[in-house]
């Protein structure tokens, strides 16, 4: 029973496990990405987070209050437990990238710059998995390097450190009753 109970409950169209909550949050129309945070991930010792599941939702349009309420009702209807959902709006993390590209003699510097900019835009575009995703300097460097074969060397001037957003503090939940 211990090993199969959550899977059995989940077969009735309800979320039980973390993966099922994440999948349920993503399956709503208009949701590009969602990050589901349980109490143990926010603050396991805070009583105000007891039975609160936070959902950070990135959508393809800006939702008004009735749309947010519909989403919360959808989430509430797809759980077996007496939890409350707190809907959070993702906060953009601006990353300023400044780099000098050194190209081979045969390469086109204008094309190198254009392709590097396009690759960096694609790296940060809204898509599943982008909310709460850390961006590392090596990833920025590799994205630029892989964008054009004519790039020989990159002098990455900014950012100076990895963009770690996954361990940011989470504030007190805002719940409507």
N, C-alpha and C. Protein backbone atom coordinates (compact mmCIF):
# COMPACT_ATOMS: atom_id res chain seq x y z
N UNK A 1 0.83 -1.19 0.00
CA UNK A 1 0.00 0.00 0.00
C UNK A 1 0.87 1.25 0.00
N UNK A 2 1.93 1.24 0.81
CA UNK A 2 2.82 2.39 0.90
C UNK A 2 3.43 2.73 -0.46
N UNK A 3 3.75 1.74 -1.25
CA UNK A 3 4.44 1.96 -2.52
C UNK A 3 3.51 2.34 -3.67
N UNK A 4 2.25 1.98 -3.60
CA UNK A 4 1.36 2.22 -4.73
C UNK A 4 0.19 3.15 -4.42
N UNK A 5 0.05 3.61 -3.20
CA UNK A 5 -1.11 4.42 -2.83
C UNK A 5 -1.19 5.70 -3.63
N UNK A 6 -0.09 6.44 -3.76
CA UNK A 6 -0.15 7.72 -4.46
C UNK A 6 -0.48 7.50 -5.93
N UNK A 7 0.06 6.48 -6.54
CA UNK A 7 -0.24 6.20 -7.95
C UNK A 7 -1.70 5.81 -8.12
N UNK A 8 -2.25 5.06 -7.16
CA UNK A 8 -3.65 4.65 -7.23
C UNK A 8 -4.56 5.87 -7.11
N UNK A 9 -4.28 6.75 -6.14
CA UNK A 9 -5.09 7.96 -5.99
C UNK A 9 -4.99 8.80 -7.25
N UNK A 10 -3.82 8.90 -7.82
CA UNK A 10 -3.59 9.73 -8.99
C UNK A 10 -4.33 9.27 -10.22
N UNK A 11 -4.76 8.02 -10.25
CA UNK A 11 -5.46 7.52 -11.43
C UNK A 11 -6.88 8.04 -11.53
N UNK A 12 -7.38 8.67 -10.52
CA UNK A 12 -8.74 9.19 -10.55
C UNK A 12 -8.78 10.64 -11.03
N UNK A 13 -7.78 11.05 -11.80
CA UNK A 13 -7.74 12.41 -12.35
C UNK A 13 -7.34 13.46 -11.33
N UNK A 14 -6.73 13.03 -10.25
CA UNK A 14 -6.33 13.97 -9.21
C UNK A 14 -4.83 13.92 -9.00
N UNK A 15 -4.27 15.06 -8.66
CA UNK A 15 -2.84 15.14 -8.38
C UNK A 15 -2.58 14.72 -6.95
N UNK A 16 -1.53 13.93 -6.77
CA UNK A 16 -1.12 13.49 -5.45
C UNK A 16 0.37 13.73 -5.28
N UNK A 17 1.16 13.31 -6.23
CA UNK A 17 2.61 13.46 -6.14
C UNK A 17 3.03 14.82 -6.70
N UNK A 18 4.25 15.20 -6.40
CA UNK A 18 4.78 16.47 -6.92
C UNK A 18 4.74 16.50 -8.44
N UNK A 19 5.10 15.41 -9.08
CA UNK A 19 5.09 15.35 -10.54
C UNK A 19 3.67 15.52 -11.09
N UNK A 20 2.69 14.94 -10.41
CA UNK A 20 1.31 15.06 -10.85
C UNK A 20 0.79 16.49 -10.69
N UNK A 21 1.17 17.15 -9.60
CA UNK A 21 0.80 18.56 -9.43
C UNK A 21 1.44 19.42 -10.52
N UNK A 22 2.70 19.19 -10.82
CA UNK A 22 3.39 19.94 -11.86
C UNK A 22 2.73 19.72 -13.22
N UNK A 23 2.37 18.48 -13.51
CA UNK A 23 1.71 18.16 -14.77
C UNK A 23 0.34 18.80 -14.84
N UNK A 24 -0.41 18.75 -13.76
CA UNK A 24 -1.74 19.37 -13.72
C UNK A 24 -1.64 20.87 -13.94
N UNK A 25 -0.68 21.50 -13.31
CA UNK A 25 -0.50 22.95 -13.45
C UNK A 25 -0.17 23.33 -14.88
N UNK A 26 0.56 22.50 -15.58
CA UNK A 26 0.96 22.78 -16.96
C UNK A 26 -0.12 22.48 -17.99
N UNK A 27 -1.08 21.63 -17.65
CA UNK A 27 -2.09 21.19 -18.61
C UNK A 27 -3.24 22.17 -18.78
N UNK A 28 -3.24 23.26 -18.07
CA UNK A 28 -4.31 24.25 -18.21
C UNK A 28 -4.05 25.09 -19.46
N UNK A 29 -5.10 25.39 -20.24
CA UNK A 29 -4.91 26.18 -21.46
C UNK A 29 -4.29 27.55 -21.18
N UNK A 30 -3.30 27.90 -21.99
CA UNK A 30 -2.65 29.21 -21.87
C UNK A 30 -1.44 29.23 -20.96
N UNK A 31 -1.16 28.12 -20.29
CA UNK A 31 0.00 28.07 -19.39
C UNK A 31 1.22 27.63 -20.18
N UNK A 32 2.25 28.47 -20.18
CA UNK A 32 3.50 28.12 -20.85
C UNK A 32 4.43 27.33 -19.94
N UNK A 33 4.48 27.73 -18.67
CA UNK A 33 5.32 27.05 -17.69
C UNK A 33 4.74 27.27 -16.31
N UNK A 34 4.99 26.34 -15.43
CA UNK A 34 4.52 26.46 -14.05
C UNK A 34 5.54 25.82 -13.12
N UNK A 35 5.69 26.45 -11.99
CA UNK A 35 6.56 25.93 -10.95
C UNK A 35 5.68 25.70 -9.72
N UNK A 36 5.67 24.47 -9.23
CA UNK A 36 4.83 24.10 -8.09
C UNK A 36 5.74 23.93 -6.88
N UNK A 37 5.42 24.68 -5.81
CA UNK A 37 6.24 24.66 -4.60
C UNK A 37 5.39 24.22 -3.42
N UNK A 38 5.80 23.14 -2.79
CA UNK A 38 5.09 22.66 -1.61
C UNK A 38 5.69 23.32 -0.37
N UNK A 39 5.10 23.04 0.78
CA UNK A 39 5.57 23.63 2.03
C UNK A 39 7.02 23.25 2.31
N UNK A 40 7.39 22.03 2.02
CA UNK A 40 8.76 21.60 2.32
C UNK A 40 9.79 22.35 1.49
N UNK A 41 9.37 22.88 0.33
CA UNK A 41 10.29 23.63 -0.52
C UNK A 41 10.32 25.11 -0.16
N UNK A 42 9.26 25.61 0.42
CA UNK A 42 9.18 27.03 0.77
C UNK A 42 9.75 27.25 2.16
N UNK A 43 9.14 26.63 3.16
CA UNK A 43 9.61 26.73 4.54
C UNK A 43 8.89 25.66 5.35
N UNK A 44 9.55 24.53 5.60
CA UNK A 44 8.86 23.43 6.28
C UNK A 44 8.50 23.72 7.74
N UNK A 45 9.06 24.77 8.31
CA UNK A 45 8.82 25.06 9.73
C UNK A 45 7.82 26.20 9.95
N UNK A 46 7.30 26.79 8.89
CA UNK A 46 6.37 27.91 9.02
C UNK A 46 4.93 27.41 9.01
N UNK A 47 4.21 27.68 10.07
CA UNK A 47 2.82 27.22 10.17
C UNK A 47 1.92 27.86 9.12
N UNK A 48 2.22 29.09 8.70
CA UNK A 48 1.36 29.76 7.71
C UNK A 48 1.45 29.12 6.33
N UNK A 49 2.46 28.28 6.11
CA UNK A 49 2.59 27.57 4.84
C UNK A 49 1.98 26.17 4.89
N UNK A 50 1.41 25.79 6.03
CA UNK A 50 0.84 24.47 6.20
C UNK A 50 -0.27 24.22 5.19
N UNK A 51 -0.16 23.16 4.41
CA UNK A 51 -1.14 22.76 3.40
C UNK A 51 -1.35 23.81 2.31
N UNK A 52 -0.31 24.60 2.04
CA UNK A 52 -0.37 25.59 0.97
C UNK A 52 0.57 25.13 -0.14
N UNK A 53 0.03 25.06 -1.33
CA UNK A 53 0.83 24.74 -2.51
C UNK A 53 0.90 26.01 -3.35
N UNK A 54 2.11 26.49 -3.55
CA UNK A 54 2.29 27.69 -4.37
C UNK A 54 2.48 27.28 -5.81
N UNK A 55 1.83 28.00 -6.69
CA UNK A 55 1.97 27.74 -8.11
C UNK A 55 2.38 29.05 -8.77
N UNK A 56 3.57 29.05 -9.36
CA UNK A 56 4.05 30.20 -10.12
C UNK A 56 3.77 29.88 -11.58
N UNK A 57 2.93 30.69 -12.21
CA UNK A 57 2.45 30.39 -13.55
C UNK A 57 2.91 31.45 -14.54
N UNK A 58 3.52 30.98 -15.62
CA UNK A 58 3.88 31.84 -16.75
C UNK A 58 2.87 31.54 -17.85
N UNK A 59 2.14 32.58 -18.26
CA UNK A 59 1.07 32.39 -19.24
C UNK A 59 1.38 33.14 -20.53
N UNK A 60 0.64 32.79 -21.58
CA UNK A 60 0.87 33.45 -22.87
C UNK A 60 0.18 34.81 -22.94
N UNK A 61 -0.70 35.11 -22.02
CA UNK A 61 -1.34 36.43 -21.91
C UNK A 61 -1.42 36.79 -20.43
N UNK A 62 -1.71 38.05 -20.16
CA UNK A 62 -1.90 38.49 -18.77
C UNK A 62 -3.30 38.10 -18.33
N UNK A 63 -3.38 37.41 -17.20
CA UNK A 63 -4.68 36.97 -16.70
C UNK A 63 -5.29 38.03 -15.80
N UNK A 64 -6.63 38.17 -15.90
CA UNK A 64 -7.35 39.03 -14.98
C UNK A 64 -7.78 38.18 -13.77
N UNK A 65 -8.40 38.81 -12.79
CA UNK A 65 -8.78 38.10 -11.57
C UNK A 65 -9.73 36.92 -11.80
N UNK A 66 -10.77 37.06 -12.65
CA UNK A 66 -11.63 35.88 -12.89
C UNK A 66 -10.86 34.71 -13.52
N UNK A 67 -9.91 35.00 -14.41
CA UNK A 67 -9.12 33.92 -15.01
C UNK A 67 -8.23 33.24 -13.96
N UNK A 68 -7.68 34.03 -13.06
CA UNK A 68 -6.87 33.46 -11.97
C UNK A 68 -7.73 32.58 -11.07
N UNK A 69 -8.94 33.07 -10.77
CA UNK A 69 -9.87 32.28 -9.94
C UNK A 69 -10.24 30.96 -10.62
N UNK A 70 -10.46 31.01 -11.93
CA UNK A 70 -10.76 29.78 -12.68
C UNK A 70 -9.61 28.80 -12.61
N UNK A 71 -8.40 29.31 -12.71
CA UNK A 71 -7.22 28.44 -12.63
C UNK A 71 -7.10 27.80 -11.24
N UNK A 72 -7.31 28.61 -10.20
CA UNK A 72 -7.25 28.07 -8.84
C UNK A 72 -8.34 27.02 -8.61
N UNK A 73 -9.52 27.26 -9.17
CA UNK A 73 -10.60 26.28 -9.06
C UNK A 73 -10.24 24.99 -9.80
N UNK A 74 -9.64 25.14 -10.96
CA UNK A 74 -9.16 23.97 -11.73
C UNK A 74 -8.16 23.16 -10.90
N UNK A 75 -7.21 23.84 -10.29
CA UNK A 75 -6.21 23.14 -9.47
C UNK A 75 -6.88 22.47 -8.27
N UNK A 76 -7.81 23.17 -7.64
CA UNK A 76 -8.50 22.62 -6.47
C UNK A 76 -9.31 21.39 -6.84
N UNK A 77 -9.89 21.37 -8.04
CA UNK A 77 -10.69 20.24 -8.49
C UNK A 77 -9.84 19.04 -8.91
N UNK A 78 -8.54 19.23 -9.01
CA UNK A 78 -7.66 18.14 -9.43
C UNK A 78 -6.71 17.70 -8.32
N UNK A 79 -7.18 17.72 -7.09
CA UNK A 79 -6.39 17.23 -5.97
C UNK A 79 -7.25 16.38 -5.06
N UNK A 80 -6.60 15.45 -4.39
CA UNK A 80 -7.32 14.58 -3.46
C UNK A 80 -7.22 15.09 -2.03
N UNK A 81 -6.37 16.08 -1.80
CA UNK A 81 -6.09 16.53 -0.44
C UNK A 81 -6.71 17.87 -0.16
N UNK A 82 -6.78 18.20 1.12
CA UNK A 82 -7.31 19.49 1.55
C UNK A 82 -6.19 20.52 1.58
N UNK A 83 -5.75 20.90 0.40
CA UNK A 83 -4.71 21.92 0.31
C UNK A 83 -5.31 23.21 -0.22
N UNK A 84 -4.60 24.30 0.01
CA UNK A 84 -4.97 25.59 -0.56
C UNK A 84 -3.89 25.93 -1.59
N UNK A 85 -4.29 26.60 -2.62
CA UNK A 85 -3.35 27.00 -3.66
C UNK A 85 -3.15 28.51 -3.62
N UNK A 86 -1.92 28.92 -3.70
CA UNK A 86 -1.57 30.33 -3.79
C UNK A 86 -0.95 30.55 -5.15
N UNK A 87 -1.59 31.40 -5.93
CA UNK A 87 -1.11 31.66 -7.28
C UNK A 87 -0.14 32.84 -7.25
N UNK A 88 1.04 32.62 -7.77
CA UNK A 88 2.07 33.65 -7.78
C UNK A 88 2.40 34.03 -9.21
N UNK A 89 2.69 35.30 -9.42
CA UNK A 89 3.11 35.79 -10.73
C UNK A 89 4.63 35.70 -10.79
N UNK A 90 5.18 35.15 -11.86
CA UNK A 90 6.63 35.07 -11.94
C UNK A 90 7.24 36.47 -12.07
N UNK A 91 8.40 36.63 -11.47
CA UNK A 91 9.11 37.90 -11.52
C UNK A 91 10.28 37.73 -12.49
N UNK A 92 10.34 38.62 -13.46
CA UNK A 92 11.40 38.53 -14.46
C UNK A 92 12.76 38.82 -13.81
N UNK A 93 13.74 38.05 -14.20
CA UNK A 93 15.11 38.25 -13.76
C UNK A 93 15.90 38.77 -14.96
N UNK A 94 16.16 40.07 -14.98
CA UNK A 94 16.86 40.65 -16.12
C UNK A 94 18.32 40.25 -16.09
N UNK A 95 18.81 39.86 -17.23
CA UNK A 95 20.21 39.48 -17.38
C UNK A 95 20.79 40.33 -18.50
N UNK A 96 21.73 41.17 -18.15
CA UNK A 96 22.42 41.98 -19.14
C UNK A 96 23.65 41.21 -19.60
N UNK A 97 23.75 40.97 -20.89
CA UNK A 97 24.87 40.21 -21.43
C UNK A 97 25.68 41.14 -22.34
N UNK A 98 26.94 41.24 -22.01
CA UNK A 98 27.87 42.01 -22.82
C UNK A 98 29.08 41.14 -23.10
N UNK A 99 29.38 40.98 -24.37
CA UNK A 99 30.50 40.13 -24.77
C UNK A 99 31.17 40.69 -26.01
N UNK A 100 32.45 40.43 -26.11
CA UNK A 100 33.20 40.76 -27.32
C UNK A 100 33.47 39.45 -28.03
N UNK A 101 33.08 39.39 -29.30
CA UNK A 101 33.28 38.19 -30.10
C UNK A 101 34.51 38.37 -30.97
N UNK A 102 35.38 37.38 -30.94
CA UNK A 102 36.55 37.37 -31.81
C UNK A 102 36.34 36.27 -32.84
N UNK A 103 36.38 36.66 -34.11
CA UNK A 103 36.06 35.73 -35.18
C UNK A 103 37.31 35.34 -35.97
N UNK A 104 37.20 34.20 -36.63
CA UNK A 104 38.25 33.78 -37.56
C UNK A 104 38.31 34.78 -38.71
N UNK A 105 39.44 34.79 -39.42
CA UNK A 105 39.64 35.74 -40.52
C UNK A 105 38.60 35.54 -41.62
N UNK A 106 38.15 34.33 -41.84
CA UNK A 106 37.19 34.05 -42.91
C UNK A 106 35.75 34.35 -42.52
N UNK A 107 35.50 34.59 -41.23
CA UNK A 107 34.12 34.73 -40.73
C UNK A 107 33.58 36.14 -40.96
N UNK A 108 32.25 36.22 -40.95
CA UNK A 108 31.55 37.48 -41.09
C UNK A 108 31.15 37.97 -39.69
N UNK A 109 31.80 39.03 -39.17
CA UNK A 109 31.50 39.51 -37.80
C UNK A 109 30.04 39.96 -37.62
N UNK A 110 29.46 40.55 -38.64
CA UNK A 110 28.06 40.98 -38.54
C UNK A 110 27.13 39.78 -38.38
N UNK A 111 27.40 38.74 -39.14
CA UNK A 111 26.60 37.52 -39.02
C UNK A 111 26.82 36.86 -37.66
N UNK A 112 28.04 36.88 -37.16
CA UNK A 112 28.34 36.31 -35.85
C UNK A 112 27.55 37.02 -34.76
N UNK A 113 27.52 38.35 -34.82
CA UNK A 113 26.77 39.12 -33.82
C UNK A 113 25.27 38.84 -33.92
N UNK A 114 24.75 38.82 -35.12
CA UNK A 114 23.33 38.57 -35.34
C UNK A 114 22.93 37.18 -34.82
N UNK A 115 23.69 36.16 -35.17
CA UNK A 115 23.37 34.79 -34.74
C UNK A 115 23.54 34.62 -33.23
N UNK A 116 24.54 35.27 -32.66
CA UNK A 116 24.73 35.20 -31.21
C UNK A 116 23.55 35.83 -30.48
N UNK A 117 23.08 36.98 -30.96
CA UNK A 117 21.91 37.63 -30.36
C UNK A 117 20.66 36.77 -30.48
N UNK A 118 20.46 36.16 -31.63
CA UNK A 118 19.30 35.27 -31.82
C UNK A 118 19.37 34.07 -30.89
N UNK A 119 20.55 33.49 -30.73
CA UNK A 119 20.71 32.33 -29.85
C UNK A 119 20.46 32.71 -28.40
N UNK A 120 20.91 33.87 -27.99
CA UNK A 120 20.67 34.31 -26.61
C UNK A 120 19.19 34.61 -26.38
N UNK A 121 18.51 35.17 -27.37
CA UNK A 121 17.07 35.40 -27.24
C UNK A 121 16.34 34.07 -27.07
N UNK A 122 16.74 33.08 -27.83
CA UNK A 122 16.12 31.75 -27.73
C UNK A 122 16.39 31.11 -26.37
N UNK A 123 17.56 31.37 -25.81
CA UNK A 123 17.91 30.80 -24.50
C UNK A 123 16.97 31.30 -23.42
N UNK A 124 16.53 32.56 -23.53
CA UNK A 124 15.72 33.17 -22.49
C UNK A 124 14.23 33.28 -22.84
N UNK A 125 13.80 32.72 -23.96
CA UNK A 125 12.39 32.87 -24.35
C UNK A 125 11.47 32.09 -23.41
N UNK A 126 10.23 32.55 -23.32
CA UNK A 126 9.23 31.90 -22.47
C UNK A 126 8.89 30.54 -23.04
N UNK A 127 9.09 29.51 -22.22
CA UNK A 127 8.86 28.12 -22.65
C UNK A 127 8.78 27.24 -21.40
N UNK A 128 8.32 26.02 -21.54
CA UNK A 128 8.30 25.11 -20.39
C UNK A 128 9.70 24.91 -19.83
N UNK A 129 9.81 25.03 -18.51
CA UNK A 129 11.08 24.83 -17.83
C UNK A 129 11.86 26.10 -17.56
N UNK A 130 11.36 27.26 -17.97
CA UNK A 130 12.11 28.51 -17.81
C UNK A 130 11.90 29.15 -16.44
N UNK A 131 10.73 28.93 -15.82
CA UNK A 131 10.45 29.54 -14.52
C UNK A 131 11.31 28.87 -13.45
N UNK A 132 12.05 29.68 -12.72
CA UNK A 132 12.91 29.17 -11.66
C UNK A 132 14.18 28.51 -12.17
N UNK A 133 14.51 28.72 -13.43
CA UNK A 133 15.68 28.07 -14.02
C UNK A 133 16.92 28.92 -13.81
N UNK A 134 17.97 28.30 -13.31
CA UNK A 134 19.24 28.97 -13.13
C UNK A 134 19.96 29.06 -14.48
N UNK A 135 20.64 30.17 -14.70
CA UNK A 135 21.42 30.36 -15.91
C UNK A 135 22.88 30.50 -15.49
N UNK A 136 23.71 29.66 -16.04
CA UNK A 136 25.12 29.64 -15.68
C UNK A 136 25.96 30.33 -16.75
N UNK A 137 27.08 30.92 -16.33
CA UNK A 137 27.97 31.59 -17.28
C UNK A 137 28.40 30.66 -18.39
N UNK A 138 28.67 29.41 -18.05
CA UNK A 138 29.09 28.45 -19.07
C UNK A 138 27.99 28.24 -20.11
N UNK A 139 26.74 28.30 -19.69
CA UNK A 139 25.62 28.14 -20.62
C UNK A 139 25.53 29.33 -21.58
N UNK A 140 25.73 30.52 -21.05
CA UNK A 140 25.74 31.72 -21.90
C UNK A 140 26.91 31.63 -22.88
N UNK A 141 28.06 31.30 -22.36
CA UNK A 141 29.25 31.18 -23.21
C UNK A 141 29.04 30.14 -24.31
N UNK A 142 28.54 28.97 -23.95
CA UNK A 142 28.32 27.90 -24.93
C UNK A 142 27.24 28.27 -25.95
N UNK A 143 26.21 28.99 -25.52
CA UNK A 143 25.16 29.42 -26.44
C UNK A 143 25.74 30.34 -27.51
N UNK A 144 26.57 31.27 -27.08
CA UNK A 144 27.20 32.18 -28.04
C UNK A 144 28.16 31.41 -28.95
N UNK A 145 28.98 30.57 -28.36
CA UNK A 145 29.98 29.82 -29.12
C UNK A 145 29.33 28.91 -30.17
N UNK A 146 28.23 28.29 -29.81
CA UNK A 146 27.56 27.35 -30.71
C UNK A 146 26.69 28.03 -31.77
N UNK A 147 26.50 29.34 -31.65
CA UNK A 147 25.61 30.04 -32.57
C UNK A 147 26.21 30.22 -33.96
N UNK A 148 27.55 30.21 -34.06
CA UNK A 148 28.20 30.47 -35.35
C UNK A 148 29.58 29.85 -35.34
N UNK A 149 29.89 29.08 -36.38
CA UNK A 149 31.19 28.41 -36.47
C UNK A 149 32.35 29.38 -36.60
N UNK A 150 32.10 30.59 -37.03
CA UNK A 150 33.16 31.57 -37.24
C UNK A 150 33.65 32.24 -35.98
N UNK A 151 33.01 31.96 -34.83
CA UNK A 151 33.44 32.57 -33.57
C UNK A 151 34.60 31.74 -33.01
N UNK A 152 35.72 32.42 -32.83
CA UNK A 152 36.91 31.74 -32.31
C UNK A 152 37.00 31.85 -30.80
N UNK A 153 36.74 33.04 -30.28
CA UNK A 153 36.93 33.30 -28.86
C UNK A 153 35.89 34.32 -28.40
N UNK A 154 35.46 34.18 -27.13
CA UNK A 154 34.47 35.09 -26.56
C UNK A 154 35.04 35.68 -25.27
N UNK A 155 34.97 36.98 -25.16
CA UNK A 155 35.32 37.67 -23.91
C UNK A 155 34.01 38.12 -23.28
N UNK A 156 33.52 37.34 -22.31
CA UNK A 156 32.24 37.62 -21.65
C UNK A 156 32.49 38.64 -20.54
N UNK A 157 32.00 39.85 -20.75
CA UNK A 157 32.22 40.94 -19.79
C UNK A 157 31.11 41.02 -18.74
N UNK A 158 29.90 40.64 -19.15
CA UNK A 158 28.76 40.69 -18.25
C UNK A 158 27.77 39.61 -18.63
N UNK A 159 27.19 38.90 -17.73
CA UNK A 159 27.27 38.98 -16.28
C UNK A 159 28.59 38.40 -15.76
N UNK A 160 28.89 38.74 -14.53
CA UNK A 160 30.14 38.28 -13.93
C UNK A 160 29.98 37.01 -13.12
N UNK A 161 28.73 36.63 -12.85
CA UNK A 161 28.49 35.40 -12.07
C UNK A 161 27.21 34.72 -12.56
N UNK A 162 27.06 33.48 -12.16
CA UNK A 162 25.88 32.70 -12.52
C UNK A 162 24.61 33.38 -12.01
N UNK A 163 23.53 33.21 -12.73
CA UNK A 163 22.24 33.78 -12.36
C UNK A 163 21.43 32.70 -11.64
N UNK A 164 21.58 32.62 -10.32
CA UNK A 164 20.92 31.60 -9.52
C UNK A 164 19.61 32.17 -8.98
N UNK A 165 18.49 31.63 -9.43
CA UNK A 165 17.18 32.09 -8.98
C UNK A 165 16.40 31.01 -8.24
N UNK A 166 16.88 29.78 -8.28
CA UNK A 166 16.12 28.67 -7.69
C UNK A 166 16.12 28.68 -6.18
N UNK A 167 17.04 29.40 -5.55
CA UNK A 167 17.07 29.40 -4.08
C UNK A 167 16.65 30.73 -3.48
N UNK A 168 15.89 31.53 -4.23
CA UNK A 168 15.41 32.80 -3.70
C UNK A 168 14.40 32.57 -2.59
N UNK A 169 14.42 33.46 -1.62
CA UNK A 169 13.47 33.36 -0.52
C UNK A 169 12.05 33.59 -1.03
N UNK A 170 11.12 32.88 -0.44
CA UNK A 170 9.71 33.00 -0.82
C UNK A 170 8.99 33.67 0.32
N UNK A 171 8.20 34.68 0.00
CA UNK A 171 7.49 35.45 1.02
C UNK A 171 6.26 34.75 1.53
N UNK A 172 5.58 35.44 2.43
CA UNK A 172 4.35 34.90 3.02
C UNK A 172 3.29 34.74 1.94
N UNK A 173 2.54 33.64 1.95
CA UNK A 173 1.55 33.41 0.90
C UNK A 173 0.40 34.41 0.98
N UNK A 174 -0.12 34.78 -0.17
CA UNK A 174 -1.31 35.64 -0.22
C UNK A 174 -2.47 34.78 -0.68
N UNK A 175 -3.35 34.48 0.25
CA UNK A 175 -4.47 33.59 -0.04
C UNK A 175 -5.78 34.34 0.03
N UNK A 176 -6.67 34.01 -0.89
CA UNK A 176 -8.02 34.56 -0.82
C UNK A 176 -8.95 33.45 -0.35
N UNK A 177 -9.80 33.78 0.58
CA UNK A 177 -10.70 32.77 1.16
C UNK A 177 -12.10 32.95 0.64
